Amino acid sequence: MIVAGVEVKINRLESIVEQIGEAVLATTETIERLGERVDTLSIQVEEQGKQVQQQGYQILALCDAVQTLAETQDYSLQKLTKLTQTIDRLMTLLEGSNED
């Protein structure tokens, strides 16, 4: 009778140990999958950071191009103003010579 009781307890202990082992394995697998996901997310975040940095460089280049365009536009406007003034003077001279 005592032997049978001991066997039952041993069987229960074996069952408990087996369940603990299965739980440990399942937890280990879950942690490994989570680790892989974290690695994947880490790589994605790093790539997005590189893209944002590249976009920042592109924005700076675009700003420089717009500034150069604005400066060229201003220079062209000054030249056009001088040309218009010269044409106005020529027209005045021509009109003056036609009156003689």
Protein backbone atom coordinates (compact mmCIF):
# COMPACT_ATOMS: atom_id res chain seq x y z
CA MET A 1 0.00 0.00 0.00
CA ILE A 2 2.79 2.39 0.87
CA VAL A 3 4.60 1.44 -2.31
CA ALA A 4 1.50 2.21 -4.37
CA GLY A 5 1.14 5.61 -2.69
CA VAL A 6 4.81 6.37 -3.39
CA GLU A 7 4.38 5.36 -7.04
CA VAL A 8 1.38 7.67 -7.40
CA LYS A 9 3.39 10.55 -5.90
CA ILE A 10 6.34 9.78 -8.18
CA ASN A 11 4.01 9.69 -11.19
CA ARG A 12 2.53 13.04 -10.18
CA LEU A 13 6.01 14.49 -9.70
CA GLU A 14 7.09 13.18 -13.09
CA SER A 15 3.99 14.71 -14.64
CA ILE A 16 4.69 18.04 -12.95
CA VAL A 17 8.34 18.00 -14.04
CA GLU A 18 7.25 17.15 -17.60
CA GLN A 19 4.75 20.04 -17.61
CA ILE A 20 7.42 22.41 -16.27
CA GLY A 21 9.80 21.24 -19.00
CA GLU A 22 7.17 21.82 -21.69
CA ALA A 23 6.43 25.27 -20.28
CA VAL A 24 10.15 26.13 -20.28
CA LEU A 25 10.48 24.98 -23.90
CA ALA A 26 7.41 26.93 -24.97
CA THR A 27 8.68 30.02 -23.17
CA THR A 28 12.11 29.66 -24.79
CA GLU A 29 10.55 29.37 -28.25
CA THR A 30 8.36 32.41 -27.58
CA ILE A 31 11.35 34.44 -26.42
CA GLU A 32 13.31 33.41 -29.52
CA ARG A 33 10.43 34.51 -31.79
CA LEU A 34 10.14 37.79 -29.92
CA GLY A 35 13.90 38.29 -30.27
CA GLU A 36 13.64 37.74 -34.03
CA ARG A 37 10.79 40.24 -34.25
CA VAL A 38 12.74 42.81 -32.26
CA ASP A 39 15.72 42.29 -34.57
CA THR A 40 13.48 42.77 -37.62
CA LEU A 41 11.94 45.91 -36.15
CA SER A 42 15.38 47.21 -35.26
CA ILE A 43 16.55 46.78 -38.85
CA GLN A 44 13.40 48.51 -40.16
CA VAL A 45 13.86 51.44 -37.78
CA GLU A 46 17.51 51.76 -38.81
CA GLU A 47 16.53 51.76 -42.51
CA GLN A 48 13.83 54.36 -41.88
CA GLY A 49 16.38 56.49 -40.04
CA LYS A 50 18.67 56.32 -43.06
CA GLN A 51 15.78 57.28 -45.33
CA VAL A 52 14.89 60.25 -43.13
CA GLN A 53 18.52 61.36 -43.12
CA GLN A 54 18.66 61.06 -46.92
CA GLN A 55 15.45 63.07 -47.22
CA GLY A 56 16.99 65.72 -44.98
CA TYR A 57 19.97 65.97 -47.32
CA GLN A 58 17.62 66.21 -50.29
CA ILE A 59 15.65 69.01 -48.60
CA LEU A 60 18.88 70.92 -47.92
CA ALA A 61 19.93 70.51 -51.56
CA LEU A 62 16.51 71.70 -52.68
CA CYS A 63 16.75 74.74 -50.39
CA ASP A 64 20.15 75.59 -51.87
CA ALA A 65 18.74 75.23 -55.39
CA VAL A 66 15.77 77.49 -54.55
CA GLN A 67 18.10 80.09 -53.02
CA THR A 68 20.32 80.03 -56.13
CA LEU A 69 17.23 80.36 -58.31
CA ALA A 70 16.01 83.32 -56.26
CA GLU A 71 19.41 85.01 -56.51
CA THR A 72 19.50 84.42 -60.27
CA GLN A 73 15.95 85.75 -60.56
CA ASP A 74 16.95 88.89 -58.64
CA TYR A 75 20.02 89.42 -60.85
CA SER A 76 17.89 88.93 -63.99
CA LEU A 77 15.33 91.42 -62.70
CA GLN A 78 18.06 94.01 -62.09
CA LYS A 79 19.40 93.49 -65.62
CA LEU A 80 15.89 93.71 -67.07
CA THR A 81 15.26 96.93 -65.14
CA LYS A 82 18.48 98.46 -66.52
CA LEU A 83 17.57 97.30 -70.02
CA THR A 84 14.11 98.83 -69.70
CA GLN A 85 15.61 102.11 -68.50
CA THR A 86 18.07 102.12 -71.43
CA ILE A 87 15.25 101.47 -73.91
CA ASP A 88 13.21 104.27 -72.32
CA ARG A 89 16.15 106.68 -72.78
CA LEU A 90 16.64 105.54 -76.36
CA MET A 91 12.95 106.04 -77.04
CA THR A 92 13.15 109.51 -75.50
CA LEU A 93 16.17 110.35 -77.69
CA LEU A 94 14.47 108.99 -80.79
CA GLU A 95 11.28 110.89 -80.07
CA GLY A 96 13.36 114.03 -79.50
CA SER A 97 15.16 113.65 -82.81
CA ASN A 98 11.90 113.04 -84.67
CA GLU A 99 10.53 116.36 -83.43
CA ASP A 100 13.39 118.28 -85.09
